[in-house]
Protein backbone atom coordinates (compact mmCIF):
# COMPACT_ATOMS: atom_id res chain seq x y z
CA UNK A 1 19.57 -17.32 9.93
CA UNK A 2 18.52 -15.76 13.14
CA UNK A 3 15.97 -16.35 14.87
CA UNK A 4 13.37 -14.01 16.83
CA UNK A 5 11.07 -14.64 19.61
CA UNK A 6 6.89 -13.82 19.19
CA UNK A 7 5.50 -12.27 22.77
CA UNK A 8 2.23 -12.78 24.53
CA UNK A 9 1.16 -9.40 22.35
CA UNK A 10 2.26 -10.94 19.30
CA UNK A 11 5.10 -9.11 18.65
CA UNK A 12 8.50 -9.91 17.38
CA UNK A 13 11.95 -8.28 17.84
CA UNK A 14 14.45 -7.59 15.29
CA UNK A 15 18.05 -7.80 16.08
CA UNK A 16 20.24 -5.46 15.78
CA UNK A 17 22.90 -6.40 13.32
CA UNK A 18 19.36 -7.19 10.68
CA UNK A 19 18.26 -3.45 12.09
CA UNK A 20 20.88 -2.19 10.86
CA UNK A 21 21.78 -4.30 6.99
CA UNK A 22 17.86 -3.39 6.29
CA UNK A 23 18.27 0.92 7.30
CA UNK A 24 15.34 0.04 9.66
CA UNK A 25 14.89 2.55 12.47
CA UNK A 26 12.16 3.53 14.95
CA UNK A 27 9.33 3.63 13.49
CA UNK A 28 9.88 1.63 10.00
CA UNK A 29 7.02 0.18 8.21
CA UNK A 30 7.55 -3.82 7.26
CA UNK A 31 4.99 -4.95 4.24
CA UNK A 32 4.23 -8.50 5.56
CA UNK A 33 2.82 -11.82 3.87
CA UNK A 34 3.22 -15.31 4.37
CA UNK A 35 4.65 -17.60 0.44
CA UNK A 36 3.72 -20.62 -1.16
CA UNK A 37 5.67 -22.10 1.11
CA UNK A 38 4.03 -20.98 4.48
CA UNK A 39 6.87 -18.27 5.35
CA UNK A 40 6.45 -15.31 7.03
CA UNK A 41 7.84 -12.43 4.69
CA UNK A 42 8.87 -9.02 6.35
CA UNK A 43 9.79 -6.56 3.49
CA UNK A 44 10.43 -2.73 3.95
CA UNK A 45 7.78 -0.54 3.02
CA UNK A 46 9.36 2.02 1.19
CA UNK A 47 6.13 4.20 0.47
CA UNK A 48 3.07 4.40 2.74
CA UNK A 49 0.10 5.09 0.51
CA UNK A 50 -1.36 8.59 0.99
CA UNK A 51 2.83 9.01 0.04
CA UNK A 52 2.35 8.69 -2.92
CA UNK A 53 -0.55 10.64 -3.87
CA UNK A 54 0.61 13.83 -1.12
CA UNK A 55 1.84 16.09 -3.87
CA UNK A 56 -1.14 15.46 -6.29
CA UNK A 57 -3.75 18.59 -6.87
CA UNK A 58 -7.29 17.87 -5.60
CA UNK A 59 -9.37 16.50 -8.14
CA UNK A 60 -11.84 18.94 -9.63
CA UNK A 61 -15.66 17.70 -10.27
CA UNK A 62 -15.75 18.80 -13.98
CA UNK A 63 -19.32 16.41 -14.91
CA UNK A 64 -22.06 15.40 -12.55
CA UNK A 65 -23.35 11.83 -13.07
CA UNK A 66 -25.04 12.24 -15.81
CA UNK A 67 -23.51 14.36 -18.03
CA UNK A 68 -20.53 10.76 -17.07
CA UNK A 69 -24.17 8.82 -18.21
CA UNK A 70 -23.99 10.49 -21.57
CA UNK A 71 -19.73 10.61 -22.25
CA UNK A 72 -20.03 6.81 -21.48
CA UNK A 73 -23.69 6.75 -23.96
CA UNK A 74 -21.98 8.58 -26.62
CA UNK A 75 -18.64 6.76 -26.92
CA UNK A 76 -20.45 3.33 -26.96
CA UNK A 77 -22.48 4.74 -29.80
CA UNK A 78 -26.13 5.12 -28.60
CA UNK A 79 -26.06 8.50 -27.63
CA UNK A 80 -29.37 9.52 -25.66
CA UNK A 81 -30.70 13.02 -26.15
């Protein structure tokens, strides 16, 4: 097991052997959590949320709120006039 030190700025330096084993390079992002035993868990973040939707076409609003309300009412069986 490797020991890391927390700096006065709250930063950790991940030793080279661990960075290389995980394929981490400068600017890599990690997801951090605390497990059930109170341990800090760092996992390489594979995707940024905005990357997942980068190639999605822009949303075109085909209905207004009143149209949506009517569609919901109709689907629920209580169609508004």
